[in-house]
Amino acid sequence: MIKYILQNAPFIVPTTDGKLIEEHHGMASTGNPEVSIAHMVAPPKWSEPFQTPEFDEYTYIIKGKKQFIIDGETILLEAGQSIQIFKNTRVQYSNPFDEECEYIAICKPAFDFTKVHREE
């Protein structure tokens, strides 16, 4: 019986926008559908399209700042702050600032690209 999973080689999610995504636990890295944990670095001036995910997402900022637009409300998080965004909430993530933003993202259930529902 497996007692634990030690992650020494996270799955690097391929991106085209300069964002680093290292999934330590989740569907792509360990096959876990219950939760995903990823270390992220968003470059300056980065943004994603609006989306309405079918999972809760928790974000903890390690360094820099990150902007969230949640149902029309703009929220700014800085290092040491965290947020939980509930599933089925329309949100846009961005780093409109001049420095990179390093953070941890946790999704429950695990991140699944088919359940993000990004807008075009």
PDB file of N, CA and C in Angstrom:
ATOM      1  N   MET A   1       0.840  -1.183   0.000  1.00  0.00           N
ATOM      2  CA  MET A   1       0.000   0.000   0.000  1.00  0.00           C
ATOM      3  C   MET A   1       0.886   1.247   0.000  1.00  0.00           C
ATOM      4  N   ILE A   2       0.560   2.190  -0.889  1.00  0.00           N
ATOM      5  CA  ILE A   2       1.331   3.431  -0.981  1.00  0.00           C
ATOM      6  C   ILE A   2       0.975   4.321   0.200  1.00  0.00           C
ATOM      7  N   LYS A   3       1.996   4.830   0.882  1.00  0.00           N
ATOM      8  CA  LYS A   3       1.802   5.697   2.050  1.00  0.00           C
ATOM      9  C   LYS A   3       1.930   7.181   1.709  1.00  0.00           C
ATOM     10  N   TYR A   4       2.681   7.501   0.642  1.00  0.00           N
ATOM     11  CA  TYR A   4       2.847   8.900   0.256  1.00  0.00           C
ATOM     12  C   TYR A   4       3.412   8.978  -1.155  1.00  0.00           C
ATOM     13  N   ILE A   5       3.332  10.180  -1.715  1.00  0.00           N
ATOM     14  CA  ILE A   5       3.954  10.465  -3.009  1.00  0.00           C
ATOM     15  C   ILE A   5       4.873  11.663  -2.810  1.00  0.00           C
ATOM     16  N   LEU A   6       6.157  11.441  -2.987  1.00  0.00           N
ATOM     17  CA  LEU A   6       7.145  12.515  -2.907  1.00  0.00           C
ATOM     18  C   LEU A   6       7.363  13.041  -4.318  1.00  0.00           C
ATOM     19  N   GLN A   7       7.124  14.317  -4.523  1.00  0.00           N
ATOM     20  CA  GLN A   7       7.212  14.900  -5.868  1.00  0.00           C
ATOM     21  C   GLN A   7       8.537  15.624  -6.044  1.00  0.00           C
ATOM     22  N   ASN A   8       9.404  15.054  -6.856  1.00  0.00           N
ATOM     23  CA  ASN A   8      10.700  15.673  -7.169  1.00  0.00           C
ATOM     24  C   ASN A   8      10.767  16.188  -8.592  1.00  0.00           C
ATOM     25  N   ALA A   9       9.784  15.833  -9.408  1.00  0.00           N
ATOM     26  CA  ALA A   9       9.812  16.215 -10.824  1.00  0.00           C
ATOM     27  C   ALA A   9       8.408  16.611 -11.262  1.00  0.00           C
ATOM     28  N   PRO A  10       7.984  17.839 -10.925  1.00  0.00           N
ATOM     29  CA  PRO A  10       6.637  18.264 -11.311  1.00  0.00           C
ATOM     30  C   PRO A  10       6.459  18.287 -12.824  1.00  0.00           C
ATOM     31  N   PHE A  11       5.217  18.150 -13.255  1.00  0.00           N
ATOM     32  CA  PHE A  11       4.884  18.241 -14.676  1.00  0.00           C
ATOM     33  C   PHE A  11       4.906  19.707 -15.081  1.00  0.00           C
ATOM     34  N   ILE A  12       5.697  20.043 -16.095  1.00  0.00           N
ATOM     35  CA  ILE A  12       5.754  21.415 -16.612  1.00  0.00           C
ATOM     36  C   ILE A  12       4.692  21.532 -17.704  1.00  0.00           C
ATOM     37  N   VAL A  13       3.679  22.332 -17.431  1.00  0.00           N
ATOM     38  CA  VAL A  13       2.582  22.496 -18.373  1.00  0.00           C
ATOM     39  C   VAL A  13       3.053  23.378 -19.524  1.00  0.00           C
ATOM     40  N   PRO A  14       2.916  22.921 -20.764  1.00  0.00           N
ATOM     41  CA  PRO A  14       3.329  23.757 -21.893  1.00  0.00           C
ATOM     42  C   PRO A  14       2.433  24.993 -22.004  1.00  0.00           C
ATOM     43  N   THR A  15       3.050  26.155 -22.175  1.00  0.00           N
ATOM     44  CA  THR A  15       2.297  27.402 -22.337  1.00  0.00           C
ATOM     45  C   THR A  15       2.863  28.191 -23.512  1.00  0.00           C
ATOM     46  N   THR A  16       2.073  29.130 -24.013  1.00  0.00           N
ATOM     47  CA  THR A  16       2.529  29.987 -25.110  1.00  0.00           C
ATOM     48  C   THR A  16       2.562  31.448 -24.692  1.00  0.00           C
ATOM     49  N   ASP A  17       2.279  31.710 -23.397  1.00  0.00           N
ATOM     50  CA  ASP A  17       2.174  33.097 -22.929  1.00  0.00           C
ATOM     51  C   ASP A  17       3.283  33.504 -21.961  1.00  0.00           C
ATOM     52  N   GLY A  18       4.325  32.661 -21.828  1.00  0.00           N
ATOM     53  CA  GLY A  18       5.445  32.996 -20.953  1.00  0.00           C
ATOM     54  C   GLY A  18       5.252  32.630 -19.493  1.00  0.00           C
ATOM     55  N   LYS A  19       4.092  32.085 -19.137  1.00  0.00           N
ATOM     56  CA  LYS A  19       3.807  31.713 -17.755  1.00  0.00           C
ATOM     57  C   LYS A  19       4.400  30.335 -17.459  1.00  0.00           C
ATOM     58  N   LEU A  20       5.053  30.213 -16.308  1.00  0.00           N
ATOM     59  CA  LEU A  20       5.589  28.934 -15.849  1.00  0.00           C
ATOM     60  C   LEU A  20       4.527  28.256 -14.984  1.00  0.00           C
ATOM     61  N   ILE A  21       4.210  27.016 -15.311  1.00  0.00           N
ATOM     62  CA  ILE A  21       3.271  26.219 -14.507  1.00  0.00           C
ATOM     63  C   ILE A  21       3.940  24.887 -14.206  1.00  0.00           C
ATOM     64  N   GLU A  22       4.230  24.657 -12.931  1.00  0.00           N
ATOM     65  CA  GLU A  22       4.798  23.395 -12.471  1.00  0.00           C
ATOM     66  C   GLU A  22       3.742  22.695 -11.617  1.00  0.00           C
ATOM     67  N   GLU A  23       3.076  21.694 -12.194  1.00  0.00           N
ATOM     68  CA  GLU A  23       2.072  20.968 -11.421  1.00  0.00           C
ATOM     69  C   GLU A  23       2.764  19.891 -10.591  1.00  0.00           C
ATOM     70  N   HIS A  24       2.679  20.033  -9.273  1.00  0.00           N
ATOM     71  CA  HIS A  24       3.290  19.069  -8.360  1.00  0.00           C
ATOM     72  C   HIS A  24       2.373  17.885  -8.089  1.00  0.00           C
ATOM     73  N   HIS A  25       1.096  18.161  -7.964  1.00  0.00           N
ATOM     74  CA  HIS A  25       0.103  17.110  -7.732  1.00  0.00           C
ATOM     75  C   HIS A  25      -1.131  17.459  -8.541  1.00  0.00           C
ATOM     76  N   GLY A  26      -1.739  16.471  -9.140  1.00  0.00           N
ATOM     77  CA  GLY A  26      -2.930  16.696  -9.944  1.00  0.00           C
ATOM     78  C   GLY A  26      -3.035  15.665 -11.049  1.00  0.00           C
ATOM     79  N   MET A  27      -3.930  15.918 -11.990  1.00  0.00           N
ATOM     80  CA  MET A  27      -4.193  14.965 -13.076  1.00  0.00           C
ATOM     81  C   MET A  27      -2.953  14.708 -13.941  1.00  0.00           C
ATOM     82  N   ALA A  28      -2.272  15.761 -14.364  1.00  0.00           N
ATOM     83  CA  ALA A  28      -1.141  15.607 -15.289  1.00  0.00           C
ATOM     84  C   ALA A  28       0.092  15.010 -14.614  1.00  0.00           C
ATOM     85  N   SER A  29       0.299  15.322 -13.336  1.00  0.00           N
ATOM     86  CA  SER A  29       1.537  14.913 -12.664  1.00  0.00           C
ATOM     87  C   SER A  29       1.425  13.591 -11.916  1.00  0.00           C
ATOM     88  N   THR A  30       0.350  13.410 -11.158  1.00  0.00           N
ATOM     89  CA  THR A  30       0.220  12.211 -10.324  1.00  0.00           C
ATOM     90  C   THR A  30      -1.074  11.446 -10.570  1.00  0.00           C
ATOM     91  N   GLY A  31      -1.896  11.938 -11.505  1.00  0.00           N
ATOM     92  CA  GLY A  31      -3.158  11.268 -11.809  1.00  0.00           C
ATOM     93  C   GLY A  31      -4.237  11.466 -10.768  1.00  0.00           C
ATOM     94  N   ASN A  32      -4.066  12.446  -9.892  1.00  0.00           N
ATOM     95  CA  ASN A  32      -5.019  12.688  -8.807  1.00  0.00           C
ATOM     96  C   ASN A  32      -6.146  13.606  -9.296  1.00  0.00           C
ATOM     97  N   PRO A  33      -7.390  13.112  -9.361  1.00  0.00           N
ATOM     98  CA  PRO A  33      -8.503  13.950  -9.808  1.00  0.00           C
ATOM     99  C   PRO A  33      -9.113  14.807  -8.696  1.00  0.00           C
ATOM    100  N   GLU A  34      -8.699  14.592  -7.460  1.00  0.00           N
ATOM    101  CA  GLU A  34      -9.310  15.266  -6.308  1.00  0.00           C
ATOM    102  C   GLU A  34      -8.792  16.668  -6.070  1.00  0.00           C
ATOM    103  N   VAL A  35      -7.485  16.883  -6.308  1.00  0.00           N
ATOM    104  CA  VAL A  35      -6.869  18.182  -6.019  1.00  0.00           C
ATOM    105  C   VAL A  35      -5.642  18.357  -6.905  1.00  0.00           C
ATOM    106  N   SER A  36      -5.357  19.604  -7.273  1.00  0.00           N
ATOM    107  CA  SER A  36      -4.098  19.887  -7.957  1.00  0.00           C
ATOM    108  C   SER A  36      -3.399  21.026  -7.234  1.00  0.00           C
ATOM    109  N   ILE A  37      -2.084  20.929  -7.197  1.00  0.00           N
ATOM    110  CA  ILE A  37      -1.247  21.949  -6.560  1.00  0.00           C
ATOM    111  C   ILE A  37      -0.161  22.311  -7.561  1.00  0.00           C
ATOM    112  N   ALA A  38      -0.077  23.612  -7.881  1.00  0.00           N
ATOM    113  CA  ALA A  38       0.907  24.046  -8.868  1.00  0.00           C
ATOM    114  C   ALA A  38       1.643  25.288  -8.389  1.00  0.00           C
ATOM    115  N   HIS A  39       2.917  25.330  -8.728  1.00  0.00           N
ATOM    116  CA  HIS A  39       3.753  26.512  -8.519  1.00  0.00           C
ATOM    117  C   HIS A  39       3.732  27.278  -9.834  1.00  0.00           C
ATOM    118  N   MET A  40       3.428  28.570  -9.767  1.00  0.00           N
ATOM    119  CA  MET A  40       3.289  29.366 -10.982  1.00  0.00           C
ATOM    120  C   MET A  40       4.142  30.630 -10.911  1.00  0.00           C
ATOM    121  N   VAL A  41       4.604  31.074 -12.075  1.00  0.00           N
ATOM    122  CA  VAL A  41       5.252  32.369 -12.207  1.00  0.00           C
ATOM    123  C   VAL A  41       4.652  33.043 -13.442  1.00  0.00           C
ATOM    124  N   ALA A  42       3.938  34.144 -13.194  1.00  0.00           N
ATOM    125  CA  ALA A  42       3.321  34.911 -14.278  1.00  0.00           C
ATOM    126  C   ALA A  42       4.232  36.085 -14.623  1.00  0.00           C
ATOM    127  N   PRO A  43       4.619  36.204 -15.889  1.00  0.00           N
ATOM    128  CA  PRO A  43       5.507  37.302 -16.269  1.00  0.00           C
ATOM    129  C   PRO A  43       4.792  38.655 -16.209  1.00  0.00           C
ATOM    130  N   PRO A  44       5.548  39.743 -16.218  1.00  0.00           N
ATOM    131  CA  PRO A  44       4.927  41.071 -16.269  1.00  0.00           C
ATOM    132  C   PRO A  44       4.020  41.198 -17.486  1.00  0.00           C
ATOM    133  N   LYS A  45       2.915  41.911 -17.301  1.00  0.00           N
ATOM    134  CA  LYS A  45       1.949  42.219 -18.374  1.00  0.00           C
ATOM    135  C   LYS A  45       1.206  40.982 -18.900  1.00  0.00           C
ATOM    136  N   TRP A  46       1.189  39.890 -18.145  1.00  0.00           N
ATOM    137  CA  TRP A  46       0.512  38.656 -18.536  1.00  0.00           C
ATOM    138  C   TRP A  46      -0.977  38.721 -18.186  1.00  0.00           C
ATOM    139  N   SER A  47      -1.799  38.067 -18.990  1.00  0.00           N
ATOM    140  CA  SER A  47      -3.217  37.920 -18.641  1.00  0.00           C
ATOM    141  C   SER A  47      -3.792  36.709 -19.364  1.00  0.00           C
ATOM    142  N   GLU A  48      -4.881  36.192 -18.821  1.00  0.00           N
ATOM    143  CA  GLU A  48      -5.638  35.100 -19.426  1.00  0.00           C
ATOM    144  C   GLU A  48      -7.020  35.618 -19.796  1.00  0.00           C
ATOM    145  N   PRO A  49      -7.706  34.915 -20.681  1.00  0.00           N
ATOM    146  CA  PRO A  49      -9.091  35.295 -20.968  1.00  0.00           C
ATOM    147  C   PRO A  49      -9.983  35.036 -19.753  1.00  0.00           C
ATOM    148  N   PHE A  50     -11.149  35.645 -19.739  1.00  0.00           N
ATOM    149  CA  PHE A  50     -12.125  35.322 -18.700  1.00  0.00           C
ATOM    150  C   PHE A  50     -12.465  33.844 -18.794  1.00  0.00           C
ATOM    151  N   GLN A  51     -12.806  33.261 -17.648  1.00  0.00           N
ATOM    152  CA  GLN A  51     -13.164  31.852 -17.581  1.00  0.00           C
ATOM    153  C   GLN A  51     -14.171  31.623 -16.459  1.00  0.00           C
ATOM    154  N   THR A  52     -14.858  30.494 -16.510  1.00  0.00           N
ATOM    155  CA  THR A  52     -15.819  30.123 -15.467  1.00  0.00           C
ATOM    156  C   THR A  52     -15.575  28.654 -15.127  1.00  0.00           C
ATOM    157  N   PRO A  53     -14.581  28.366 -14.288  1.00  0.00           N
ATOM    158  CA  PRO A  53     -14.180  26.990 -14.012  1.00  0.00           C
ATOM    159  C   PRO A  53     -15.210  26.203 -13.182  1.00  0.00           C
ATOM    160  N   GLU A  54     -15.192  24.897 -13.379  1.00  0.00           N
ATOM    161  CA  GLU A  54     -16.043  23.982 -12.613  1.00  0.00           C
ATOM    162  C   GLU A  54     -15.317  23.462 -11.370  1.00  0.00           C
ATOM    163  N   PHE A  55     -14.370  24.227 -10.847  1.00  0.00           N
ATOM    164  CA  PHE A  55     -13.639  23.817  -9.636  1.00  0.00           C
ATOM    165  C   PHE A  55     -13.314  25.061  -8.814  1.00  0.00           C
ATOM    166  N   ASP A  56     -13.165  24.881  -7.501  1.00  0.00           N
ATOM    167  CA  ASP A  56     -12.699  25.961  -6.634  1.00  0.00           C
ATOM    168  C   ASP A  56     -11.211  26.154  -6.895  1.00  0.00           C
ATOM    169  N   GLU A  57     -10.754  27.414  -6.841  1.00  0.00           N
ATOM    170  CA  GLU A  57      -9.326  27.676  -6.990  1.00  0.00           C
ATOM    171  C   GLU A  57      -8.856  28.573  -5.861  1.00  0.00           C
ATOM    172  N   TYR A  58      -7.791  28.129  -5.203  1.00  0.00           N
ATOM    173  CA  TYR A  58      -7.159  28.870  -4.116  1.00  0.00           C
ATOM    174  C   TYR A  58      -5.833  29.387  -4.650  1.00  0.00           C
ATOM    175  N   THR A  59      -5.510  30.639  -4.371  1.00  0.00           N
ATOM    176  CA  THR A  59      -4.247  31.225  -4.810  1.00  0.00           C
ATOM    177  C   THR A  59      -3.549  31.864  -3.621  1.00  0.00           C
ATOM    178  N   TYR A  60      -2.265  31.550  -3.455  1.00  0.00           N
ATOM    179  CA  TYR A  60      -1.429  32.171  -2.416  1.00  0.00           C
ATOM    180  C   TYR A  60      -0.260  32.866  -3.124  1.00  0.00           C
ATOM    181  N   ILE A  61      -0.122  34.165  -2.895  1.00  0.00           N
ATOM    182  CA  ILE A  61       0.925  34.952  -3.554  1.00  0.00           C
ATOM    183  C   ILE A  61       2.222  34.872  -2.746  1.00  0.00           C
ATOM    184  N   ILE A  62       3.286  34.437  -3.403  1.00  0.00           N
ATOM    185  CA  ILE A  62       4.611  34.347  -2.782  1.00  0.00           C
ATOM    186  C   ILE A  62       5.377  35.648  -2.990  1.00  0.00           C
ATOM    187  N   LYS A  63       5.346  36.142  -4.247  1.00  0.00           N
ATOM    188  CA  LYS A  63       6.122  37.338  -4.603  1.00  0.00           C
ATOM    189  C   LYS A  63       5.376  38.105  -5.680  1.00  0.00           C
ATOM    190  N   GLY A  64       5.402  39.422  -5.594  1.00  0.00           N
ATOM    191  CA  GLY A  64       4.757  40.258  -6.600  1.00  0.00           C
ATOM    192  C   GLY A  64       3.283  40.489  -6.301  1.00  0.00           C
ATOM    193  N   LYS A  65       2.516  40.808  -7.351  1.00  0.00           N
ATOM    194  CA  LYS A  65       1.090  41.104  -7.228  1.00  0.00           C
ATOM    195  C   LYS A  65       0.348  40.410  -8.354  1.00  0.00           C
ATOM    196  N   LYS A  66      -0.916  40.102  -8.100  1.00  0.00           N
ATOM    197  CA  LYS A  66      -1.765  39.478  -9.114  1.00  0.00           C
ATOM    198  C   LYS A  66      -3.134  40.125  -9.056  1.00  0.00           C
ATOM    199  N   GLN A  67      -3.704  40.361 -10.225  1.00  0.00           N
ATOM    200  CA  GLN A  67      -5.028  40.980 -10.307  1.00  0.00           C
ATOM    201  C   GLN A  67      -6.077  39.937 -10.677  1.00  0.00           C
ATOM    202  N   PHE A  68      -7.232  40.035 -10.034  1.00  0.00           N
ATOM    203  CA  PHE A  68      -8.372  39.172 -10.304  1.00  0.00           C
ATOM    204  C   PHE A  68      -9.560  40.066 -10.633  1.00  0.00           C
ATOM    205  N   ILE A  69     -10.279  39.755 -11.693  1.00  0.00           N
ATOM    206  CA  ILE A  69     -11.557  40.409 -11.948  1.00  0.00           C
ATOM    207  C   ILE A  69     -12.606  39.320 -11.765  1.00  0.00           C
ATOM    208  N   ILE A  70     -13.400  39.471 -10.709  1.00  0.00           N
ATOM    209  CA  ILE A  70     -14.378  38.446 -10.321  1.00  0.00           C
ATOM    210  C   ILE A  70     -15.765  39.050 -10.449  1.00  0.00           C
ATOM    211  N   ASP A  71     -16.510  38.569 -11.453  1.00  0.00           N
ATOM    212  CA  ASP A  71     -17.856  39.091 -11.714  1.00  0.00           C
ATOM    213  C   ASP A  71     -17.880  40.621 -11.712  1.00  0.00           C
ATOM    214  N   GLY A  72     -16.888  41.237 -12.377  1.00  0.00           N
ATOM    215  CA  GLY A  72     -16.843  42.686 -12.525  1.00  0.00           C
ATOM    216  C   GLY A  72     -16.115  43.436 -11.422  1.00  0.00           C
ATOM    217  N   GLU A  73     -15.761  42.765 -10.326  1.00  0.00           N
ATOM    218  CA  GLU A  73     -15.039  43.409  -9.218  1.00  0.00           C
ATOM    219  C   GLU A  73     -13.542  43.124  -9.361  1.00  0.00           C
ATOM    220  N   THR A  74     -12.704  44.180  -9.321  1.00  0.00           N
ATOM    221  CA  THR A  74     -11.259  44.025  -9.421  1.00  0.00           C
ATOM    222  C   THR A  74     -10.657  43.895  -8.031  1.00  0.00           C
ATOM    223  N   ILE A  75      -9.886  42.818  -7.847  1.00  0.00           N
ATOM    224  CA  ILE A  75      -9.239  42.541  -6.566  1.00  0.00           C
ATOM    225  C   ILE A  75      -7.750  42.374  -6.832  1.00  0.00           C
ATOM    226  N   LEU A  76      -6.930  42.974  -5.984  1.00  0.00           N
ATOM    227  CA  LEU A  76      -5.478  42.903  -6.109  1.00  0.00           C
ATOM    228  C   LEU A  76      -4.926  42.169  -4.895  1.00  0.00           C
ATOM    229  N   LEU A  77      -4.141  41.130  -5.153  1.00  0.00           N
ATOM    230  CA  LEU A  77      -3.472  40.403  -4.078  1.00  0.00           C
ATOM    231  C   LEU A  77      -1.980  40.669  -4.148  1.00  0.00           C
ATOM    232  N   GLU A  78      -1.357  40.766  -2.968  1.00  0.00           N
ATOM    233  CA  GLU A  78       0.081  40.970  -2.859  1.00  0.00           C
ATOM    234  C   GLU A  78       0.690  39.812  -2.076  1.00  0.00           C
ATOM    235  N   ALA A  79       2.016  39.763  -2.030  1.00  0.00           N
ATOM    236  CA  ALA A  79       2.727  38.694  -1.333  1.00  0.00           C
ATOM    237  C   ALA A  79       2.191  38.514   0.078  1.00  0.00           C
ATOM    238  N   GLY A  80       1.953  37.260   0.435  1.00  0.00           N
ATOM    239  CA  GLY A  80       1.446  36.921   1.767  1.00  0.00           C
ATOM    240  C   GLY A  80      -0.069  36.842   1.844  1.00  0.00           C
ATOM    241  N   GLN A  81      -0.767  37.219   0.774  1.00  0.00           N
ATOM    242  CA  GLN A  81      -2.229  37.166   0.765  1.00  0.00           C
ATOM    243  C   GLN A  81      -2.702  35.964  -0.050  1.00  0.00           C
ATOM    244  N   SER A  82      -3.930  35.536   0.239  1.00  0.00           N
ATOM    245  CA  SER A  82      -4.520  34.421  -0.507  1.00  0.00           C
ATOM    246  C   SER A  82      -5.994  34.684  -0.748  1.00  0.00           C
ATOM    247  N   ILE A  83      -6.561  33.897  -1.666  1.00  0.00           N
ATOM    248  CA  ILE A  83      -7.964  34.043  -2.021  1.00  0.00           C
ATOM    249  C   ILE A  83      -8.509  32.673  -2.414  1.00  0.00           C
ATOM    250  N   GLN A  84      -9.782  32.451  -2.155  1.00  0.00           N
ATOM    251  CA  GLN A  84     -10.498  31.292  -2.671  1.00  0.00           C
ATOM    252  C   GLN A  84     -11.569  31.810  -3.615  1.00  0.00           C
ATOM    253  N   ILE A  85     -11.595  31.286  -4.830  1.00  0.00           N
ATOM    254  CA  ILE A  85     -12.627  31.642  -5.799  1.00  0.00           C
ATOM    255  C   ILE A  85     -13.449  30.378  -6.039  1.00  0.00           C
ATOM    256  N   PHE A  86     -14.740  30.479  -5.779  1.00  0.00           N
ATOM    257  CA  PHE A  86     -15.609  29.320  -5.848  1.00  0.00           C
ATOM    258  C   PHE A  86     -15.911  28.914  -7.287  1.00  0.00           C
ATOM    259  N   LYS A  87     -16.142  27.623  -7.485  1.00  0.00           N
ATOM    260  CA  LYS A  87     -16.457  27.100  -8.813  1.00  0.00           C
ATOM    261  C   LYS A  87     -17.658  27.816  -9.407  1.00  0.00           C
ATOM    262  N   ASN A  88     -17.709  27.829 -10.729  1.00  0.00           N
ATOM    263  CA  ASN A  88     -18.788  28.460 -11.493  1.00  0.00           C
ATOM    264  C   ASN A  88     -18.850  29.974 -11.321  1.00  0.00           C
ATOM    265  N   THR A  89     -17.711  30.583 -10.960  1.00  0.00           N
ATOM    266  CA  THR A  89     -17.589  32.040 -10.850  1.00  0.00           C
ATOM    267  C   THR A  89     -16.774  32.543 -12.041  1.00  0.00           C
ATOM    268  N   ARG A  90     -17.273  33.563 -12.716  1.00  0.00           N
ATOM    269  CA  ARG A  90     -16.554  34.139 -13.863  1.00  0.00           C
ATOM    270  C   ARG A  90     -15.383  34.970 -13.334  1.00  0.00           C
ATOM    271  N   VAL A  91     -14.183  34.678 -13.835  1.00  0.00           N
ATOM    272  CA  VAL A  91     -12.971  35.321 -13.322  1.00  0.00           C
ATOM    273  C   VAL A  91     -11.960  35.520 -14.447  1.00  0.00           C
ATOM    274  N   GLN A  92     -11.161  36.580 -14.297  1.00  0.00           N
ATOM    275  CA  GLN A  92      -9.995  36.767 -15.160  1.00  0.00           C
ATOM    276  C   GLN A  92      -8.783  36.957 -14.262  1.00  0.00           C
ATOM    277  N   TYR A  93      -7.717  36.227 -14.568  1.00  0.00           N
ATOM    278  CA  TYR A  93      -6.458  36.331 -13.845  1.00  0.00           C
ATOM    279  C   TYR A  93      -5.480  37.138 -14.686  1.00  0.00           C
ATOM    280  N   SER A  94      -4.713  38.041 -14.040  1.00  0.00           N
ATOM    281  CA  SER A  94      -3.709  38.791 -14.796  1.00  0.00           C
ATOM    282  C   SER A  94      -2.618  39.331 -13.878  1.00  0.00           C
ATOM    283  N   ASN A  95      -1.522  39.703 -14.524  1.00  0.00           N
ATOM    284  CA  ASN A  95      -0.419  40.395 -13.868  1.00  0.00           C
ATOM    285  C   ASN A  95      -0.096  41.615 -14.733  1.00  0.00           C
ATOM    286  N   PRO A  96      -0.854  42.708 -14.551  1.00  0.00           N
ATOM    287  CA  PRO A  96      -0.636  43.886 -15.389  1.00  0.00           C
ATOM    288  C   PRO A  96       0.542  44.746 -14.923  1.00  0.00           C
ATOM    289  N   PHE A  97       1.329  44.243 -14.020  1.00  0.00           N
ATOM    290  CA  PHE A  97       2.391  45.019 -13.382  1.00  0.00           C
ATOM    291  C   PHE A  97       3.733  44.782 -14.070  1.00  0.00           C
ATOM    292  N   ASP A  98       4.763  45.507 -13.624  1.00  0.00           N
ATOM    293  CA  ASP A  98       6.086  45.460 -14.253  1.00  0.00           C
ATOM    294  C   ASP A  98       7.015  44.412 -13.656  1.00  0.00           C
ATOM    295  N   GLU A  99       6.551  43.656 -12.661  1.00  0.00           N
ATOM    296  CA  GLU A  99       7.374  42.596 -12.066  1.00  0.00           C
ATOM    297  C   GLU A  99       6.625  41.278 -12.149  1.00  0.00           C
ATOM    298  N   GLU A 100       7.376  40.173 -12.158  1.00  0.00           N
ATOM    299  CA  GLU A 100       6.711  38.883 -12.213  1.00  0.00           C
ATOM    300  C   GLU A 100       5.974  38.596 -10.909  1.00  0.00           C
ATOM    301  N   CYS A 101       5.016  37.690 -10.997  1.00  0.00           N
ATOM    302  CA  CYS A 101       4.243  37.276  -9.823  1.00  0.00           C
ATOM    303  C   CYS A 101       4.427  35.776  -9.638  1.00  0.00           C
ATOM    304  N   GLU A 102       4.901  35.390  -8.470  1.00  0.00           N
ATOM    305  CA  GLU A 102       5.089  33.983  -8.139  1.00  0.00           C
ATOM    306  C   GLU A 102       4.007  33.581  -7.146  1.00  0.00           C
ATOM    307  N   TYR A 103       3.362  32.450  -7.392  1.00  0.00           N
ATOM    308  CA  TYR A 103       2.263  32.038  -6.524  1.00  0.00           C
ATOM    309  C   TYR A 103       2.035  30.533  -6.571  1.00  0.00           C
ATOM    310  N   ILE A 104       1.242  30.057  -5.634  1.00  0.00           N
ATOM    311  CA  ILE A 104       0.799  28.673  -5.577  1.00  0.00           C
ATOM    312  C   ILE A 104      -0.688  28.663  -5.892  1.00  0.00           C
ATOM    313  N   ALA A 105      -1.112  27.756  -6.772  1.00  0.00           N
ATOM    314  CA  ALA A 105      -2.527  27.593  -7.098  1.00  0.00           C
ATOM    315  C   ALA A 105      -2.958  26.174  -6.724  1.00  0.00           C
ATOM    316  N   ILE A 106      -4.079  26.088  -6.035  1.00  0.00           N
ATOM    317  CA  ILE A 106      -4.654  24.802  -5.647  1.00  0.00           C
ATOM    318  C   ILE A 106      -6.070  24.746  -6.206  1.00  0.00           C
ATOM    319  N   CYS A 107      -6.377  23.686  -6.937  1.00  0.00           N
ATOM    320  CA  CYS A 107      -7.716  23.505  -7.493  1.00  0.00           C
ATOM    321  C   CYS A 107      -8.346  22.255  -6.899  1.00  0.00           C
ATOM    322  N   LYS A 108      -9.619  22.391  -6.550  1.00  0.00           N
ATOM    323  CA  LYS A 108     -10.354  21.264  -5.973  1.00  0.00           C
ATOM    324  C   LYS A 108     -11.744  21.232  -6.568  1.00  0.00           C
ATOM    325  N   PRO A 109     -12.127  20.164  -7.297  1.00  0.00           N
ATOM    326  CA  PRO A 109     -11.262  19.057  -7.705  1.00  0.00           C
ATOM    327  C   PRO A 109     -10.121  19.547  -8.598  1.00  0.00           C
ATOM    328  N   ALA A 110      -9.268  18.626  -8.988  1.00  0.00           N
ATOM    329  CA  ALA A 110      -8.053  18.978  -9.725  1.00  0.00           C
ATOM    330  C   ALA A 110      -8.342  19.758 -10.996  1.00  0.00           C
ATOM    331  N   PHE A 111      -7.386  20.612 -11.377  1.00  0.00           N
ATOM    332  CA  PHE A 111      -7.476  21.364 -12.620  1.00  0.00           C
ATOM    333  C   PHE A 111      -7.718  20.404 -13.772  1.00  0.00           C
ATOM    334  N   ASP A 112      -8.647  20.774 -14.622  1.00  0.00           N
ATOM    335  CA  ASP A 112      -8.974  19.999 -15.821  1.00  0.00           C
ATOM    336  C   ASP A 112      -9.292  21.016 -16.906  1.00  0.00           C
ATOM    337  N   PHE A 113      -8.463  21.068 -17.944  1.00  0.00           N
ATOM    338  CA  PHE A 113      -8.623  22.080 -18.986  1.00  0.00           C
ATOM    339  C   PHE A 113     -10.021  22.047 -19.614  1.00  0.00           C
ATOM    340  N   THR A 114     -10.623  20.862 -19.683  1.00  0.00           N
ATOM    341  CA  THR A 114     -11.964  20.752 -20.278  1.00  0.00           C
ATOM    342  C   THR A 114     -13.044  21.351 -19.374  1.00  0.00           C
ATOM    343  N   LYS A 115     -12.678  21.703 -18.141  1.00  0.00           N
ATOM    344  CA  LYS A 115     -13.658  22.263 -17.203  1.00  0.00           C
ATOM    345  C   LYS A 115     -13.349  23.710 -16.815  1.00  0.00           C
ATOM    346  N   VAL A 116     -12.447  24.363 -17.561  1.00  0.00           N
ATOM    347  CA  VAL A 116     -12.084  25.758 -17.290  1.00  0.00           C
ATOM    348  C   VAL A 116     -13.092  26.719 -17.925  1.00  0.00           C
ATOM    349  N   HIS A 117     -13.524  26.390 -19.128  1.00  0.00           N
ATOM    350  CA  HIS A 117     -14.487  27.208 -19.873  1.00  0.00           C
ATOM    351  C   HIS A 117     -13.965  28.626 -20.118  1.00  0.00           C
ATOM    352  N   ARG A 118     -12.800  28.715 -20.750  1.00  0.00           N
ATOM    353  CA  ARG A 118     -12.232  30.023 -21.123  1.00  0.00           C
ATOM    354  C   ARG A 118     -13.015  30.621 -22.263  1.00  0.00           C
ATOM    355  N   GLU A 119     -13.193  31.936 -22.180  1.00  0.00           N
ATOM    356  CA  GLU A 119     -13.888  32.657 -23.238  1.00  0.00           C
ATOM    357  C   GLU A 119     -12.917  32.974 -24.371  1.00  0.00           C
ATOM    358  N   GLU A 120     -13.427  33.066 -25.557  1.00  0.00           N
ATOM    359  CA  GLU A 120     -12.593  33.368 -26.730  1.00  0.00           C
ATOM    360  C   GLU A 120     -12.297  34.836 -26.808  1.00  0.00           C
TER     361      GLU A 120
END
